[in-house]
Structures are given as structure tokens and as C-alpha cells.
Amino acid sequence: MRPFVALVHGLIVASIVTLAGCTGVASKSAAKTPWNDARQLVLVTTSDWNATTGTLRRYEREGSAWREAGSPTPITVGRSGSAWGIGLHPAQPDGLQKQEGDGRAPAGVFRIGTAFGYADIAATGWPYQGMSASDWCIDVPASPLYNRIVDAKTVGDAAVEGSTEPMRRDLHANGDVRYKLGFVIEHNPGNRSAAGSCIFAHLWRAPGEPTAGCTAMPEPAMRELLAWLDPRRKPVFALLPDNELERLHAAWDLPAPARAR
């Protein structure tokens, strides 16, 4: 090969290598996840797997970056802490796995389901369903309706027998306010028996009081959150202990831990 031709050839090869390297960097920095189209994020963090309290933050995506919206709010989670749930995120075989009755909130990234409450309507653009005395969420693992909200008038009283989750807790549980306003967190969307059911974000009965596996917060925070949720922005809900968010935020396209910003 003549010197000039060899030089041109070398420059072309070098350019190709450089471009390939740039492409590799770009692909690594752009996480590909099932929630890539999300432009809103509800992020709950706790100090560790056994913590029963934590913080909820809201984010909006601007271009490729998450920007915090509004102010953080204190929340509570399961009385036993949290464990890996079944959602949009890759399965995490190492560590605790959410099971029915374990008192742990599911960790991971999840779709947000229907909002619900005691009133017929709510101040939200998110899909909302007012609950009645005959509405129940089925937490009986052997039931074919496991992990579903059903109306006993439709499915029959026998179908809801044994469930401990009336959706009108004010009527069935001595005026309990917790389900006055909330939304479904779509853990276990395939309704796998005994993998955990009826996971909600809802009101807390008292500050700092843990739940059976849901995420609870003050009523003003819930009202602000529901007013903010926009179906057009395809929001998702994530719950992670701090060390897991530190480990996974880049790969999962989530905001960096608050202390790292």
C-alpha cells in the first residue's frame, strides 16, 4: 500500500473506531427500561429494607433528566419494611421477595392503577373510582379473583368471603379513614397466588403509623399528588431503599439519591 493511501486508510479506521466508541458511551448512558416513556415519577425511598418510614418525592422528566417537582413528604410503608415486588423492573432474585401477609411493601418500579376513594368524584385528572360498601379487594390467595377490586353485587357475596380488604373502611372498620383517598400500585399484575395483593398508596391513620404493605401519607400530600398525576405523562411509582437506589438509579433511569445531588 502506498504511503498516502495507507495514511487515508488509517484515518478512516481511526474515525470508525472513534465513532464506535462514542456510540458505546451513548448507549451506556441511555438506560432502556419499560418505563422509558414516563414523564412523571413518584419515588419513595427508605433508609433500609426494614425501615417503616421514608420520603416521597415527585419528579418530572425534562429531556433526559429528572427534575424534582414540589416538596418531599414523609410516608410510612409496611410494618416489616419492604421486599422486592413484581412490577416493571427486572426480577431481583437476591434479597427478600414480597409475599402475602409478610407486612412488607413491594420494592421496585410499578405502573399506577386506578385512584379510588369514599367520594363519588375527586380533584384529579387521573382515572378515579368512587368506592361503595360492596367493593372489596381480594387478598385470599386461593381465590380466582386474587389481587382484584371487585363489587360483591356483581361477583356475589361468596366470592368476597374471607377477604380482609373492604374498600369502604369507614363503613366496615369503625370509620377508618385510610382508604378515603388513594390509588392502586400495580404490584403483581399477573395476580400470582400468595405473591402479595391489594397494594395501594393511601392516607395514614396517624403520623408514623406503618401499614400492612402499602404506602401511606397525610391527606394534603395525597390530594396534591392526585392533582399532579397526568395520564398523558405516563407516570410510574418506584419504591427503593437508599442503597438500592444508589446501586440501580443509572441502569433503571431513576433520579440519583437525594444526598448524592
C-alpha atoms as a PDB file:
ATOM      1  CA  MET A   1       0.000   0.000   0.000  1.00  0.00           C
ATOM      2  CA  ARG A   2       1.378   3.431  -0.975  1.00  0.00           C
ATOM      3  CA  PRO A   3       2.106   5.831   1.938  1.00  0.00           C
ATOM      4  CA  PHE A   4      -0.698   8.305   1.091  1.00  0.00           C
ATOM      5  CA  VAL A   5      -3.282   5.540   0.683  1.00  0.00           C
ATOM      6  CA  ALA A   6      -2.096   3.944   3.926  1.00  0.00           C
ATOM      7  CA  LEU A   7      -2.474   7.287   5.718  1.00  0.00           C
ATOM      8  CA  VAL A   8      -6.033   7.785   4.412  1.00  0.00           C
ATOM      9  CA  HIS A   9      -6.906   4.196   5.310  1.00  0.00           C
ATOM     10  CA  GLY A  10      -5.564   4.717   8.808  1.00  0.00           C
ATOM     11  CA  LEU A  11      -7.557   7.906   9.280  1.00  0.00           C
ATOM     12  CA  ILE A  12     -10.763   6.186   8.128  1.00  0.00           C
ATOM     13  CA  VAL A  13     -10.212   3.254  10.503  1.00  0.00           C
ATOM     14  CA  ALA A  14      -9.443   5.646  13.359  1.00  0.00           C
ATOM     15  CA  SER A  15     -12.615   7.608  12.629  1.00  0.00           C
ATOM     16  CA  ILE A  16     -14.709   4.437  12.636  1.00  0.00           C
ATOM     17  CA  VAL A  17     -13.197   3.330  15.953  1.00  0.00           C
ATOM     18  CA  THR A  18     -13.842   6.773  17.453  1.00  0.00           C
ATOM     19  CA  LEU A  19     -17.447   6.801  16.282  1.00  0.00           C
ATOM     20  CA  ALA A  20     -17.983   3.283  17.619  1.00  0.00           C
ATOM     21  CA  GLY A  21     -16.582   4.385  20.949  1.00  0.00           C
ATOM     22  CA  CYS A  22     -18.902   7.394  21.079  1.00  0.00           C
ATOM     23  CA  THR A  23     -21.852   5.184  20.210  1.00  0.00           C
ATOM     24  CA  GLY A  24     -20.930   2.812  23.008  1.00  0.00           C
ATOM     25  CA  VAL A  25     -20.807   5.626  25.542  1.00  0.00           C
ATOM     26  CA  ALA A  26     -24.170   6.944  24.411  1.00  0.00           C
ATOM     27  CA  SER A  27     -25.849   3.553  24.657  1.00  0.00           C
ATOM     28  CA  LYS A  28     -24.492   3.024  28.139  1.00  0.00           C
ATOM     29  CA  SER A  29     -25.699   6.418  29.339  1.00  0.00           C
ATOM     30  CA  ALA A  30     -29.206   5.991  27.920  1.00  0.00           C
ATOM     31  CA  ALA A  31     -30.932   3.376  30.080  1.00  0.00           C
ATOM     32  CA  LYS A  32     -33.545   1.321  28.258  1.00  0.00           C
ATOM     33  CA  THR A  33     -36.401   0.377  30.542  1.00  0.00           C
ATOM     34  CA  PRO A  34     -40.109  -0.461  30.248  1.00  0.00           C
ATOM     35  CA  TRP A  35     -40.800   2.996  31.669  1.00  0.00           C
ATOM     36  CA  ASN A  36     -38.739   4.980  29.156  1.00  0.00           C
ATOM     37  CA  ASP A  37     -41.890   6.830  28.106  1.00  0.00           C
ATOM     38  CA  ALA A  38     -42.663   8.006  31.654  1.00  0.00           C
ATOM     39  CA  ARG A  39     -42.536  11.767  32.158  1.00  0.00           C
ATOM     40  CA  GLN A  40     -43.688  11.698  35.773  1.00  0.00           C
ATOM     41  CA  LEU A  41     -42.281   9.628  38.626  1.00  0.00           C
ATOM     42  CA  VAL A  42     -43.424   9.070  42.197  1.00  0.00           C
ATOM     43  CA  LEU A  43     -40.336   7.935  44.119  1.00  0.00           C
ATOM     44  CA  VAL A  44     -40.424   6.565  47.668  1.00  0.00           C
ATOM     45  CA  THR A  45     -37.158   5.944  49.485  1.00  0.00           C
ATOM     46  CA  THR A  46     -36.470   4.332  52.855  1.00  0.00           C
ATOM     47  CA  SER A  47     -33.260   4.056  54.853  1.00  0.00           C
ATOM     48  CA  ASP A  48     -33.067   0.241  54.572  1.00  0.00           C
ATOM     49  CA  TRP A  49     -35.134  -2.883  53.961  1.00  0.00           C
ATOM     50  CA  ASN A  50     -36.567  -2.928  57.490  1.00  0.00           C
ATOM     51  CA  ALA A  51     -37.429   0.764  57.754  1.00  0.00           C
ATOM     52  CA  THR A  52     -41.124   1.565  58.179  1.00  0.00           C
ATOM     53  CA  THR A  53     -40.845   5.276  57.362  1.00  0.00           C
ATOM     54  CA  GLY A  54     -39.418   7.146  54.387  1.00  0.00           C
ATOM     55  CA  THR A  55     -39.834  10.037  51.986  1.00  0.00           C
ATOM     56  CA  LEU A  56     -41.944  10.512  48.867  1.00  0.00           C
ATOM     57  CA  ARG A  57     -40.694  12.804  46.110  1.00  0.00           C
ATOM     58  CA  ARG A  58     -42.263  13.704  42.767  1.00  0.00           C
ATOM     59  CA  TYR A  59     -40.264  14.140  39.568  1.00  0.00           C
ATOM     60  CA  GLU A  60     -40.881  15.347  36.043  1.00  0.00           C
ATOM     61  CA  ARG A  61     -38.672  14.418  33.118  1.00  0.00           C
ATOM     62  CA  GLU A  62     -37.259  17.315  31.129  1.00  0.00           C
ATOM     63  CA  GLY A  63     -35.462  15.891  28.103  1.00  0.00           C
ATOM     64  CA  SER A  64     -33.446  13.041  29.548  1.00  0.00           C
ATOM     65  CA  ALA A  65     -33.169  14.452  33.090  1.00  0.00           C
ATOM     66  CA  TRP A  66     -35.477  14.065  36.082  1.00  0.00           C
ATOM     67  CA  ARG A  67     -36.310  17.295  37.928  1.00  0.00           C
ATOM     68  CA  GLU A  68     -37.923  17.306  41.338  1.00  0.00           C
ATOM     69  CA  ALA A  69     -41.422  18.809  41.495  1.00  0.00           C
ATOM     70  CA  GLY A  70     -42.964  20.128  44.682  1.00  0.00           C
ATOM     71  CA  SER A  71     -41.758  19.318  48.174  1.00  0.00           C
ATOM     72  CA  PRO A  72     -40.852  15.947  49.720  1.00  0.00           C
ATOM     73  CA  THR A  73     -43.391  14.413  52.077  1.00  0.00           C
ATOM     74  CA  PRO A  74     -42.974  11.867  54.884  1.00  0.00           C
ATOM     75  CA  ILE A  75     -44.591   8.480  54.340  1.00  0.00           C
ATOM     76  CA  THR A  76     -44.871   5.123  56.021  1.00  0.00           C
ATOM     77  CA  VAL A  77     -44.568   1.681  54.448  1.00  0.00           C
ATOM     78  CA  GLY A  78     -45.074  -1.880  55.668  1.00  0.00           C
ATOM     79  CA  ARG A  79     -44.789  -2.717  59.366  1.00  0.00           C
ATOM     80  CA  SER A  80     -41.926  -5.077  58.468  1.00  0.00           C
ATOM     81  CA  GLY A  81     -40.296  -2.752  55.919  1.00  0.00           C
ATOM     82  CA  SER A  82     -40.077  -3.640  52.233  1.00  0.00           C
ATOM     83  CA  ALA A  83     -39.136  -6.519  49.903  1.00  0.00           C
ATOM     84  CA  TRP A  84     -38.766  -6.976  46.158  1.00  0.00           C
ATOM     85  CA  GLY A  85     -42.089  -6.881  44.355  1.00  0.00           C
ATOM     86  CA  ILE A  86     -43.277  -7.862  40.884  1.00  0.00           C
ATOM     87  CA  GLY A  87     -43.588  -4.914  38.522  1.00  0.00           C
ATOM     88  CA  LEU A  88     -41.909  -3.317  35.521  1.00  0.00           C
ATOM     89  CA  HIS A  89     -38.367  -3.806  36.807  1.00  0.00           C
ATOM     90  CA  PRO A  90     -36.169  -6.856  36.171  1.00  0.00           C
ATOM     91  CA  ALA A  91     -36.593  -9.643  38.720  1.00  0.00           C
ATOM     92  CA  GLN A  92     -34.201  -9.331  41.654  1.00  0.00           C
ATOM     93  CA  PRO A  93     -33.657 -12.892  42.930  1.00  0.00           C
ATOM     94  CA  ASP A  94     -31.193 -11.832  45.621  1.00  0.00           C
ATOM     95  CA  GLY A  95     -32.950 -10.489  48.685  1.00  0.00           C
ATOM     96  CA  LEU A  96     -36.368 -10.631  50.273  1.00  0.00           C
ATOM     97  CA  GLN A  97     -39.331 -11.249  47.980  1.00  0.00           C
ATOM     98  CA  LYS A  98     -42.782  -9.830  48.707  1.00  0.00           C
ATOM     99  CA  GLN A  99     -45.260 -12.461  49.955  1.00  0.00           C
ATOM    100  CA  GLU A 100     -48.878 -12.288  51.080  1.00  0.00           C
ATOM    101  CA  GLY A 101     -49.167 -11.294  54.723  1.00  0.00           C
ATOM    102  CA  ASP A 102     -45.472 -10.520  55.291  1.00  0.00           C
ATOM    103  CA  GLY A 103     -46.136  -6.892  56.247  1.00  0.00           C
ATOM    104  CA  ARG A 104     -43.650  -5.594  53.664  1.00  0.00           C
ATOM    105  CA  ALA A 105     -44.218  -3.021  50.940  1.00  0.00           C
ATOM    106  CA  PRO A 106     -43.145  -4.141  47.450  1.00  0.00           C
ATOM    107  CA  ALA A 107     -39.953  -2.518  46.179  1.00  0.00           C
ATOM    108  CA  GLY A 108     -39.272  -1.833  42.502  1.00  0.00           C
ATOM    109  CA  VAL A 109     -40.940   0.158  39.732  1.00  0.00           C
ATOM    110  CA  PHE A 110     -44.671  -0.195  39.088  1.00  0.00           C
ATOM    111  CA  ARG A 111     -47.488   1.158  36.958  1.00  0.00           C
ATOM    112  CA  ILE A 112     -50.004   3.346  38.764  1.00  0.00           C
ATOM    113  CA  GLY A 113     -53.512   1.953  38.712  1.00  0.00           C
ATOM    114  CA  THR A 114     -56.909   3.499  39.347  1.00  0.00           C
ATOM    115  CA  ALA A 115     -57.346   6.131  42.025  1.00  0.00           C
ATOM    116  CA  PHE A 116     -60.158   5.470  44.493  1.00  0.00           C
ATOM    117  CA  GLY A 117     -61.915   6.998  47.459  1.00  0.00           C
ATOM    118  CA  TYR A 118     -65.050   7.364  49.512  1.00  0.00           C
ATOM    119  CA  ALA A 119     -66.399  10.271  47.455  1.00  0.00           C
ATOM    120  CA  ASP A 120     -68.022   9.847  44.048  1.00  0.00           C
ATOM    121  CA  ILE A 121     -65.539  12.273  42.431  1.00  0.00           C
ATOM    122  CA  ALA A 122     -62.091  13.642  43.225  1.00  0.00           C
ATOM    123  CA  ALA A 123     -59.989  16.597  42.096  1.00  0.00           C
ATOM    124  CA  THR A 124     -57.752  14.670  39.738  1.00  0.00           C
ATOM    125  CA  GLY A 125     -57.277  14.079  36.032  1.00  0.00           C
ATOM    126  CA  TRP A 126     -56.222  10.521  36.844  1.00  0.00           C
ATOM    127  CA  PRO A 127     -58.784   7.704  36.371  1.00  0.00           C
ATOM    128  CA  TYR A 128     -60.828   7.619  39.590  1.00  0.00           C
ATOM    129  CA  GLN A 129     -63.469   5.300  41.008  1.00  0.00           C
ATOM    130  CA  GLY A 130     -65.670   6.073  43.987  1.00  0.00           C
ATOM    131  CA  MET A 131     -65.984   3.025  46.234  1.00  0.00           C
ATOM    132  CA  SER A 132     -69.193   1.594  47.691  1.00  0.00           C
ATOM    133  CA  ALA A 133     -69.931  -0.666  50.643  1.00  0.00           C
ATOM    134  CA  SER A 134     -69.949  -3.679  48.325  1.00  0.00           C
ATOM    135  CA  ASP A 135     -66.453  -3.082  46.879  1.00  0.00           C
ATOM    136  CA  TRP A 136     -63.661  -5.339  48.144  1.00  0.00           C
ATOM    137  CA  CYS A 137     -60.062  -6.106  47.218  1.00  0.00           C
ATOM    138  CA  ILE A 138     -59.492  -9.848  47.331  1.00  0.00           C
ATOM    139  CA  ASP A 139     -56.473 -10.884  49.418  1.00  0.00           C
ATOM    140  CA  VAL A 140     -57.355 -14.599  49.613  1.00  0.00           C
ATOM    141  CA  PRO A 141     -54.564 -16.421  47.687  1.00  0.00           C
ATOM    142  CA  ALA A 142     -56.779 -19.338  46.631  1.00  0.00           C
ATOM    143  CA  SER A 143     -59.420 -17.071  45.113  1.00  0.00           C
ATOM    144  CA  PRO A 144     -59.644 -16.752  41.310  1.00  0.00           C
ATOM    145  CA  LEU A 145     -60.208 -13.031  41.992  1.00  0.00           C
ATOM    146  CA  TYR A 146     -56.982 -12.649  43.983  1.00  0.00           C
ATOM    147  CA  ASN A 147     -55.461  -9.144  43.861  1.00  0.00           C
ATOM    148  CA  ARG A 148     -58.515  -7.569  42.212  1.00  0.00           C
ATOM    149  CA  ILE A 149     -61.022  -4.963  43.376  1.00  0.00           C
ATOM    150  CA  VAL A 150     -64.495  -6.396  42.838  1.00  0.00           C
ATOM    151  CA  ASP A 151     -68.097  -5.487  43.579  1.00  0.00           C
ATOM    152  CA  ALA A 152     -69.918  -8.125  45.636  1.00  0.00           C
ATOM    153  CA  LYS A 153     -73.131  -7.137  43.874  1.00  0.00           C
ATOM    154  CA  THR A 154     -71.543  -8.369  40.654  1.00  0.00           C
ATOM    155  CA  VAL A 155     -69.427 -11.355  41.757  1.00  0.00           C
ATOM    156  CA  GLY A 156     -71.616 -12.472  44.669  1.00  0.00           C
ATOM    157  CA  ASP A 157     -71.110 -12.390  48.431  1.00  0.00           C
ATOM    158  CA  ALA A 158     -69.436 -15.801  48.436  1.00  0.00           C
ATOM    159  CA  ALA A 159     -66.653 -14.508  46.166  1.00  0.00           C
ATOM    160  CA  VAL A 160     -65.546 -11.881  48.695  1.00  0.00           C
ATOM    161  CA  GLU A 161     -65.869 -14.116  51.743  1.00  0.00           C
ATOM    162  CA  GLY A 162     -62.648 -14.216  53.747  1.00  0.00           C
ATOM    163  CA  SER A 163     -61.201 -11.006  52.313  1.00  0.00           C
ATOM    164  CA  THR A 164     -59.924  -8.511  54.880  1.00  0.00           C
ATOM    165  CA  GLU A 165     -59.886  -5.557  52.466  1.00  0.00           C
ATOM    166  CA  PRO A 166     -63.186  -3.680  52.267  1.00  0.00           C
ATOM    167  CA  MET A 167     -62.660  -0.593  50.119  1.00  0.00           C
ATOM    168  CA  ARG A 168     -65.067   1.390  52.303  1.00  0.00           C
ATOM    169  CA  ARG A 169     -63.198   1.036  55.558  1.00  0.00           C
ATOM    170  CA  ASP A 170     -65.231   3.872  57.012  1.00  0.00           C
ATOM    171  CA  LEU A 171     -68.314   1.646  56.786  1.00  0.00           C
ATOM    172  CA  HIS A 172     -66.725  -1.727  57.608  1.00  0.00           C
ATOM    173  CA  ALA A 173     -63.959  -0.735  60.038  1.00  0.00           C
ATOM    174  CA  ASN A 174     -65.319   1.798  62.512  1.00  0.00           C
ATOM    175  CA  GLY A 175     -64.809   4.949  60.475  1.00  0.00           C
ATOM    176  CA  ASP A 176     -61.273   4.136  59.299  1.00  0.00           C
ATOM    177  CA  VAL A 177     -60.109   6.990  57.037  1.00  0.00           C
ATOM    178  CA  ARG A 178     -57.207   5.243  55.309  1.00  0.00           C
ATOM    179  CA  TYR A 179     -58.975   4.474  52.031  1.00  0.00           C
ATOM    180  CA  LYS A 180     -60.735   7.849  51.900  1.00  0.00           C
ATOM    181  CA  LEU A 181     -58.362   8.667  49.051  1.00  0.00           C
ATOM    182  CA  GLY A 182     -55.641   6.668  47.316  1.00  0.00           C
ATOM    183  CA  PHE A 183     -54.540   4.777  44.232  1.00  0.00           C
ATOM    184  CA  VAL A 184     -53.550   1.272  43.232  1.00  0.00           C
ATOM    185  CA  ILE A 185     -49.845   0.403  42.946  1.00  0.00           C
ATOM    186  CA  GLU A 186     -49.755  -2.336  40.315  1.00  0.00           C
ATOM    187  CA  HIS A 187     -47.631  -4.872  42.151  1.00  0.00           C
ATOM    188  CA  ASN A 188     -48.137  -8.458  40.962  1.00  0.00           C
ATOM    189  CA  PRO A 189     -50.106  -7.541  37.816  1.00  0.00           C
ATOM    190  CA  GLY A 190     -50.307 -11.212  36.836  1.00  0.00           C
ATOM    191  CA  ASN A 191     -52.079 -11.949  40.140  1.00  0.00           C
ATOM    192  CA  ARG A 192     -49.647 -14.692  41.136  1.00  0.00           C
ATOM    193  CA  SER A 193     -51.130 -16.505  44.128  1.00  0.00           C
ATOM    194  CA  ALA A 194     -49.623 -15.531  47.515  1.00  0.00           C
ATOM    195  CA  ALA A 195     -47.143 -13.075  45.922  1.00  0.00           C
ATOM    196  CA  GLY A 196     -48.856 -10.086  47.520  1.00  0.00           C
ATOM    197  CA  SER A 197     -52.132  -8.314  46.852  1.00  0.00           C
ATOM    198  CA  CYS A 198     -54.065  -5.081  47.247  1.00  0.00           C
ATOM    199  CA  ILE A 199     -51.063  -2.757  47.318  1.00  0.00           C
ATOM    200  CA  PHE A 200     -52.126   0.873  47.493  1.00  0.00           C
ATOM    201  CA  ALA A 201     -50.927   4.355  48.232  1.00  0.00           C
ATOM    202  CA  HIS A 202     -53.442   5.693  50.756  1.00  0.00           C
ATOM    203  CA  LEU A 203     -53.895   8.031  53.707  1.00  0.00           C
ATOM    204  CA  TRP A 204     -52.264   7.291  57.017  1.00  0.00           C
ATOM    205  CA  ARG A 205     -54.424   6.975  60.102  1.00  0.00           C
ATOM    206  CA  ALA A 206     -51.798   8.638  62.276  1.00  0.00           C
ATOM    207  CA  PRO A 207     -48.353  10.128  61.521  1.00  0.00           C
ATOM    208  CA  GLY A 208     -45.661   7.459  61.507  1.00  0.00           C
ATOM    209  CA  GLU A 209     -48.086   4.526  61.713  1.00  0.00           C
ATOM    210  CA  PRO A 210     -46.885   1.718  59.401  1.00  0.00           C
ATOM    211  CA  THR A 211     -49.122  -0.252  57.058  1.00  0.00           C
ATOM    212  CA  ALA A 212     -49.708  -3.884  56.134  1.00  0.00           C
ATOM    213  CA  GLY A 213     -47.663  -3.344  52.919  1.00  0.00           C
ATOM    214  CA  CYS A 214     -48.939  -0.135  51.346  1.00  0.00           C
ATOM    215  CA  THR A 215     -47.502   3.386  51.278  1.00  0.00           C
ATOM    216  CA  ALA A 216     -49.346   5.874  53.499  1.00  0.00           C
ATOM    217  CA  MET A 217     -49.171   9.646  53.721  1.00  0.00           C
ATOM    218  CA  PRO A 218     -51.019  12.725  55.032  1.00  0.00           C
ATOM    219  CA  GLU A 219     -54.229  13.694  53.247  1.00  0.00           C
ATOM    220  CA  PRO A 220     -52.922  17.042  51.908  1.00  0.00           C
ATOM    221  CA  ALA A 221     -49.967  15.249  50.308  1.00  0.00           C
ATOM    222  CA  MET A 222     -52.275  12.703  48.663  1.00  0.00           C
ATOM    223  CA  ARG A 223     -54.558  15.411  47.306  1.00  0.00           C
ATOM    224  CA  GLU A 224     -51.595  17.297  45.858  1.00  0.00           C
ATOM    225  CA  LEU A 225     -50.226  14.102  44.336  1.00  0.00           C
ATOM    226  CA  LEU A 226     -53.524  13.157  42.682  1.00  0.00           C
ATOM    227  CA  ALA A 227     -53.963  16.675  41.305  1.00  0.00           C
ATOM    228  CA  TRP A 228     -50.455  16.426  39.808  1.00  0.00           C
ATOM    229  CA  LEU A 229     -50.731  12.994  38.136  1.00  0.00           C
ATOM    230  CA  ASP A 230     -51.255  13.348  34.386  1.00  0.00           C
ATOM    231  CA  PRO A 231     -52.206  10.301  32.287  1.00  0.00           C
ATOM    232  CA  ARG A 232     -50.603  11.913  29.239  1.00  0.00           C
ATOM    233  CA  ARG A 233     -47.232  11.822  31.025  1.00  0.00           C
ATOM    234  CA  LYS A 234     -47.449   8.076  31.829  1.00  0.00           C
ATOM    235  CA  PRO A 235     -46.315   8.257  35.456  1.00  0.00           C
ATOM    236  CA  VAL A 236     -44.813   5.325  37.336  1.00  0.00           C
ATOM    237  CA  PHE A 237     -44.305   4.588  41.042  1.00  0.00           C
ATOM    238  CA  ALA A 238     -40.984   3.416  42.462  1.00  0.00           C
ATOM    239  CA  LEU A 239     -40.024   2.333  45.978  1.00  0.00           C
ATOM    240  CA  LEU A 240     -36.431   1.532  46.929  1.00  0.00           C
ATOM    241  CA  PRO A 241     -34.209   1.558  49.987  1.00  0.00           C
ATOM    242  CA  ASP A 242     -31.463   4.172  49.710  1.00  0.00           C
ATOM    243  CA  ASN A 243     -28.656   1.704  48.965  1.00  0.00           C
ATOM    244  CA  GLU A 244     -30.670   0.056  46.178  1.00  0.00           C
ATOM    245  CA  LEU A 245     -31.430   3.412  44.566  1.00  0.00           C
ATOM    246  CA  GLU A 246     -27.715   4.186  44.755  1.00  0.00           C
ATOM    247  CA  ARG A 247     -26.935   0.866  43.045  1.00  0.00           C
ATOM    248  CA  LEU A 248     -29.639   0.956  40.391  1.00  0.00           C
ATOM    249  CA  HIS A 249     -30.552   4.541  39.539  1.00  0.00           C
ATOM    250  CA  ALA A 250     -28.349   4.782  36.433  1.00  0.00           C
ATOM    251  CA  ALA A 251     -29.345   1.397  34.994  1.00  0.00           C
ATOM    252  CA  TRP A 252     -33.002   1.960  35.822  1.00  0.00           C
ATOM    253  CA  ASP A 253     -33.153   5.570  34.613  1.00  0.00           C
ATOM    254  CA  LEU A 254     -34.163   6.945  38.019  1.00  0.00           C
ATOM    255  CA  PRO A 255     -33.038  10.118  39.814  1.00  0.00           C
ATOM    256  CA  ALA A 256     -29.834   9.916  41.806  1.00  0.00           C
ATOM    257  CA  PRO A 257     -30.269   9.605  45.578  1.00  0.00           C
ATOM    258  CA  ALA A 258     -31.105  12.959  47.116  1.00  0.00           C
ATOM    259  CA  ARG A 259     -27.953  13.008  49.232  1.00  0.00           C
ATOM    260  CA  ALA A 260     -25.799  12.492  46.109  1.00  0.00           C
ATOM    261  CA  ARG A 261     -27.159  15.535  44.264  1.00  0.00           C
END
